[in-house]
C-alpha atoms as a PDB file:
ATOM      1  CA  MET A   1    -290.035-145.141 -65.134  1.00  0.00           C
ATOM      2  CA  VAL A   2    -286.467-143.877 -65.313  1.00  0.00           C
ATOM      3  CA  GLN A   3    -287.101-142.370 -68.688  1.00  0.00           C
ATOM      4  CA  GLY A   4    -290.042-140.480 -67.284  1.00  0.00           C
ATOM      5  CA  LYS A   5    -287.880-139.006 -64.515  1.00  0.00           C
ATOM      6  CA  SER A   6    -285.236-138.035 -67.032  1.00  0.00           C
ATOM      7  CA  ILE A   7    -287.930-136.249 -68.925  1.00  0.00           C
ATOM      8  CA  SER A   8    -289.158-134.437 -66.041  1.00  0.00           C
ATOM      9  CA  LEU A   9    -285.779-133.436 -64.801  1.00  0.00           C
ATOM     10  CA  ALA A  10    -284.857-132.226 -68.320  1.00  0.00           C
ATOM     11  CA  LEU A  11    -288.024-130.158 -68.197  1.00  0.00           C
ATOM     12  CA  ILE A  12    -287.370-128.682 -64.841  1.00  0.00           C
ATOM     13  CA  THR A  13    -283.860-127.806 -65.937  1.00  0.00           C
ATOM     14  CA  THR A  14    -285.040-126.148 -69.035  1.00  0.00           C
ATOM     15  CA  LEU A  15    -287.784-124.103 -67.225  1.00  0.00           C
ATOM     16  CA  PHE A  16    -285.110-123.100 -64.725  1.00  0.00           C
ATOM     17  CA  LEU A  17    -282.594-121.973 -67.352  1.00  0.00           C
ATOM     18  CA  ILE A  18    -285.473-119.977 -69.238  1.00  0.00           C
ATOM     19  CA  THR A  19    -286.546-118.380 -66.152  1.00  0.00           C
ATOM     20  CA  ALA A  20    -282.906-117.355 -65.210  1.00  0.00           C
ATOM     21  CA  GLN A  21    -282.515-115.838 -68.617  1.00  0.00           C
ATOM     22  CA  ILE A  22    -285.721-113.860 -68.382  1.00  0.00           C
ATOM     23  CA  ASN A  23    -284.765-112.715 -64.867  1.00  0.00           C
ATOM     24  CA  THR A  24    -281.237-111.582 -66.090  1.00  0.00           C
ATOM     25  CA  ALA A  25    -282.769-109.627 -69.181  1.00  0.00           C
ATOM     26  CA  HIS A  26    -285.178-107.979 -66.944  1.00  0.00           C
ATOM     27  CA  ALA A  27    -282.502-107.019 -64.471  1.00  0.00           C
ATOM     28  CA  SER A  28    -280.338-105.663 -67.179  1.00  0.00           C
ATOM     29  CA  GLN A  29    -283.146-103.672 -68.631  1.00  0.00           C
ATOM     30  CA  MET A  30    -283.996-102.276 -65.345  1.00  0.00           C
ATOM     31  CA  GLN A  31    -280.446-101.183 -64.781  1.00  0.00           C
ATOM     32  CA  GLU A  32    -280.255 -99.595 -68.274  1.00  0.00           C
ATOM     33  CA  THR A  33    -283.456 -97.668 -67.486  1.00  0.00           C
ATOM     34  CA  LYS A  34    -281.881 -96.472 -64.227  1.00  0.00           C
ATOM     35  CA  VAL A  35    -278.631 -95.293 -65.837  1.00  0.00           C
ATOM     36  CA  ARG A  36    -280.605 -93.466 -68.653  1.00  0.00           C
ATOM     37  CA  LEU A  37    -282.847 -91.716 -66.274  1.00  0.00           C
ATOM     38  CA  GLN A  38    -279.870 -90.534 -64.245  1.00  0.00           C
ATOM     39  CA  SER A  39    -277.885 -89.526 -67.294  1.00  0.00           C
ATOM     40  CA  ASP A  40    -280.818 -87.631 -68.697  1.00  0.00           C
ATOM     41  CA  LEU A  41    -281.602 -85.929 -65.448  1.00  0.00           C
ATOM     42  CA  GLN A  42    -278.215 -84.663 -65.077  1.00  0.00           C
ATOM     43  CA  LYS A  43    -278.195 -83.425 -68.634  1.00  0.00           C
ATOM     44  CA  HIS A  44    -281.336 -81.584 -67.945  1.00  0.00           C
ATOM     45  CA  ILE A  45    -279.703 -79.883 -64.830  1.00  0.00           C
ATOM     46  CA  TYR A  46    -276.739 -79.002 -66.763  1.00  0.00           C
ATOM     47  CA  ARG A  47    -278.790 -77.523 -69.511  1.00  0.00           C
ATOM     48  CA  SER A  48    -280.800 -75.369 -67.139  1.00  0.00           C
ATOM     49  CA  LEU A  49    -278.052 -73.838 -65.370  1.00  0.00           C
ATOM     50  CA  VAL A  50    -277.424 -70.077 -65.970  1.00  0.00           C
ATOM     51  CA  ASN A  51    -274.050 -68.872 -64.384  1.00  0.00           C
ATOM     52  CA  GLY A  52    -273.985 -72.217 -62.562  1.00  0.00           C
ATOM     53  CA  ALA A  53    -277.532 -71.764 -60.993  1.00  0.00           C
ATOM     54  CA  PHE A  54    -280.758 -73.440 -61.478  1.00  0.00           C
ATOM     55  CA  HIS A  55    -283.386 -70.607 -61.277  1.00  0.00           C
ATOM     56  CA  THR A  56    -286.925 -70.766 -59.984  1.00  0.00           C
ATOM     57  CA  LEU A  57    -289.740 -68.860 -58.696  1.00  0.00           C
ATOM     58  CA  ASP A  58    -290.622 -68.825 -55.195  1.00  0.00           C
ATOM     59  CA  SER A  59    -294.432 -69.141 -55.246  1.00  0.00           C
ATOM     60  CA  LYS A  60    -295.035 -67.656 -51.958  1.00  0.00           C
ATOM     61  CA  THR A  61    -292.911 -64.469 -52.289  1.00  0.00           C
ATOM     62  CA  GLY A  62    -292.757 -64.044 -56.064  1.00  0.00           C
ATOM     63  CA  ASP A  63    -288.854 -63.872 -55.889  1.00  0.00           C
ATOM     64  CA  VAL A  64    -286.563 -65.624 -58.305  1.00  0.00           C
ATOM     65  CA  ILE A  65    -284.188 -67.905 -56.449  1.00  0.00           C
ATOM     66  CA  ALA A  66    -280.832 -69.093 -57.619  1.00  0.00           C
ATOM     67  CA  LEU A  67    -280.095 -72.726 -56.536  1.00  0.00           C
ATOM     68  CA  TYR A  68    -276.871 -74.640 -57.028  1.00  0.00           C
ATOM     69  CA  PRO A  69    -276.506 -78.330 -57.676  1.00  0.00           C
ATOM     70  CA  HIS A  70    -275.308 -80.362 -54.572  1.00  0.00           C
ATOM     71  CA  VAL A  71    -276.175 -83.987 -54.703  1.00  0.00           C
ATOM     72  CA  SER A  72    -278.253 -86.263 -56.813  1.00  0.00           C
ATOM     73  CA  HIS A  73    -280.066 -89.162 -55.187  1.00  0.00           C
ATOM     74  CA  PRO A  74    -280.012 -92.608 -56.751  1.00  0.00           C
ATOM     75  CA  MET A  75    -283.432 -93.377 -55.555  1.00  0.00           C
ATOM     76  CA  ILE A  76    -285.982 -93.595 -58.391  1.00  0.00           C
ATOM     77  CA  LEU A  77    -289.667 -93.595 -57.847  1.00  0.00           C
ATOM     78  CA  GLN A  78    -292.176 -94.873 -60.533  1.00  0.00           C
ATOM     79  CA  MET A  79    -295.688 -93.735 -61.221  1.00  0.00           C
ATOM     80  CA  GLY A  80    -296.952 -96.065 -64.005  1.00  0.00           C
ATOM     81  CA  GLU A  81    -295.036 -94.905 -67.147  1.00  0.00           C
ATOM     82  CA  TYR A  82    -293.489 -91.823 -65.269  1.00  0.00           C
ATOM     83  CA  TYR A  83    -290.596 -91.506 -62.984  1.00  0.00           C
ATOM     84  CA  VAL A  84    -289.554 -89.246 -60.194  1.00  0.00           C
ATOM     85  CA  MET A  85    -285.907 -88.496 -59.171  1.00  0.00           C
ATOM     86  CA  CYS A  86    -284.743 -86.253 -56.391  1.00  0.00           C
ATOM     87  CA  ALA A  87    -281.732 -83.823 -56.092  1.00  0.00           C
ATOM     88  CA  ASP A  88    -280.367 -81.627 -53.500  1.00  0.00           C
ATOM     89  CA  PHE A  89    -279.507 -78.095 -54.390  1.00  0.00           C
ATOM     90  CA  ARG A  90    -278.238 -75.226 -52.223  1.00  0.00           C
ATOM     91  CA  ASP A  91    -279.547 -71.704 -52.102  1.00  0.00           C
ATOM     92  CA  GLY A  92    -277.150 -68.595 -51.714  1.00  0.00           C
ATOM     93  CA  ASP A  93    -277.012 -68.988 -48.061  1.00  0.00           C
ATOM     94  CA  GLY A  94    -275.973 -72.738 -48.171  1.00  0.00           C
ATOM     95  CA  ASN A  95    -279.312 -74.117 -47.053  1.00  0.00           C
ATOM     96  CA  ASN A  96    -280.369 -77.392 -48.664  1.00  0.00           C
ATOM     97  CA  VAL A  97    -283.249 -77.210 -51.116  1.00  0.00           C
ATOM     98  CA  ASP A  98    -284.971 -80.585 -52.413  1.00  0.00           C
ATOM     99  CA  ILE A  99    -286.103 -80.645 -55.996  1.00  0.00           C
ATOM    100  CA  ASP A 100    -288.165 -83.536 -57.270  1.00  0.00           C
ATOM    101  CA  PHE A 101    -287.944 -84.059 -61.074  1.00  0.00           C
ATOM    102  CA  TYR A 102    -290.879 -85.674 -62.644  1.00  0.00           C
ATOM    103  CA  MET A 103    -289.800 -87.459 -66.043  1.00  0.00           C
ATOM    104  CA  ILE A 104    -291.389 -89.068 -68.937  1.00  0.00           C
ATOM    105  CA  LYS A 105    -290.115 -91.467 -71.668  1.00  0.00           C
ATOM    106  CA  LYS A 106    -289.467 -90.084 -75.059  1.00  0.00           C
ATOM    107  CA  PRO A 107    -288.467 -92.272 -78.157  1.00  0.00           C
ATOM    108  CA  ARG A 108    -284.753 -91.674 -77.126  1.00  0.00           C
ATOM    109  CA  GLY A 109    -284.217 -91.258 -73.474  1.00  0.00           C
ATOM    110  CA  TYR A 110    -286.406 -89.377 -70.710  1.00  0.00           C
ATOM    111  CA  GLN A 111    -287.443 -85.738 -70.307  1.00  0.00           C
ATOM    112  CA  VAL A 112    -288.312 -83.760 -67.310  1.00  0.00           C
ATOM    113  CA  PHE A 113    -291.834 -82.276 -67.684  1.00  0.00           C
ATOM    114  CA  ARG A 114    -292.266 -80.981 -63.949  1.00  0.00           C
ATOM    115  CA  ALA A 115    -289.845 -79.942 -61.119  1.00  0.00           C
ATOM    116  CA  GLU A 116    -291.164 -79.493 -57.794  1.00  0.00           C
ATOM    117  CA  VAL A 117    -289.022 -77.222 -55.587  1.00  0.00           C
ATOM    118  CA  ASN A 118    -289.087 -77.755 -51.818  1.00  0.00           C
ATOM    119  CA  ASN A 119    -292.513 -79.503 -52.137  1.00  0.00           C
ATOM    120  CA  HIS A 120    -291.639 -83.063 -51.006  1.00  0.00           C
ATOM    121  CA  GLN A 121    -295.330 -83.224 -49.711  1.00  0.00           C
ATOM    122  CA  LEU A 122    -296.677 -83.782 -53.232  1.00  0.00           C
ATOM    123  CA  LEU A 123    -294.511 -86.891 -53.777  1.00  0.00           C
ATOM    124  CA  GLU A 124    -295.068 -88.281 -50.291  1.00  0.00           C
ATOM    125  CA  GLY A 125    -298.796 -88.035 -50.978  1.00  0.00           C
ATOM    126  CA  LEU A 126    -298.499 -89.887 -54.241  1.00  0.00           C
ATOM    127  CA  VAL A 127    -296.427 -92.578 -52.391  1.00  0.00           C
ATOM    128  CA  ARG A 128    -298.978 -92.740 -49.519  1.00  0.00           C
ATOM    129  CA  ASP A 129    -301.846 -92.975 -51.893  1.00  0.00           C
ATOM    130  CA  GLY A 130    -300.012 -95.908 -53.861  1.00  0.00           C
ATOM    131  CA  LYS A 131    -299.574 -93.720 -57.128  1.00  0.00           C
ATOM    132  CA  ALA A 132    -295.806 -93.743 -56.923  1.00  0.00           C
ATOM    133  CA  GLU A 133    -293.622 -96.575 -55.598  1.00  0.00           C
ATOM    134  CA  LEU A 134    -289.921 -97.284 -55.578  1.00  0.00           C
ATOM    135  CA  PHE A 135    -288.608 -98.272 -58.967  1.00  0.00           C
ATOM    136  CA  LYS A 136    -286.560-101.656 -58.284  1.00  0.00           C
END
């Protein structure tokens, strides 16, 4: 009977250690993904700047608007295999302008495939419909 308890305890301990290793590896991979996404977004923004500004077309007026990087948010949303990251920019008058960057995984890193300027409603709708969720 004592031998059976020892085997059960050994099995429980082994399962606990395996589970802990899996959880640690998963957490490490998640952190690595977050860091890479943030880094690749910053590279995208930096490469897109002309004279320090990110230029976009105002779909309502047809005007080209120069936006200046202000703050990147650490929050990341996931839509299946795609990711969304947000950043605050400022226009020439100092007004805040949100840009949501939609990203896709490449063999080495991530690439922006869409930028939604001042259209947070799109992302809010995706979250509301369960198509996007917080990347944990």
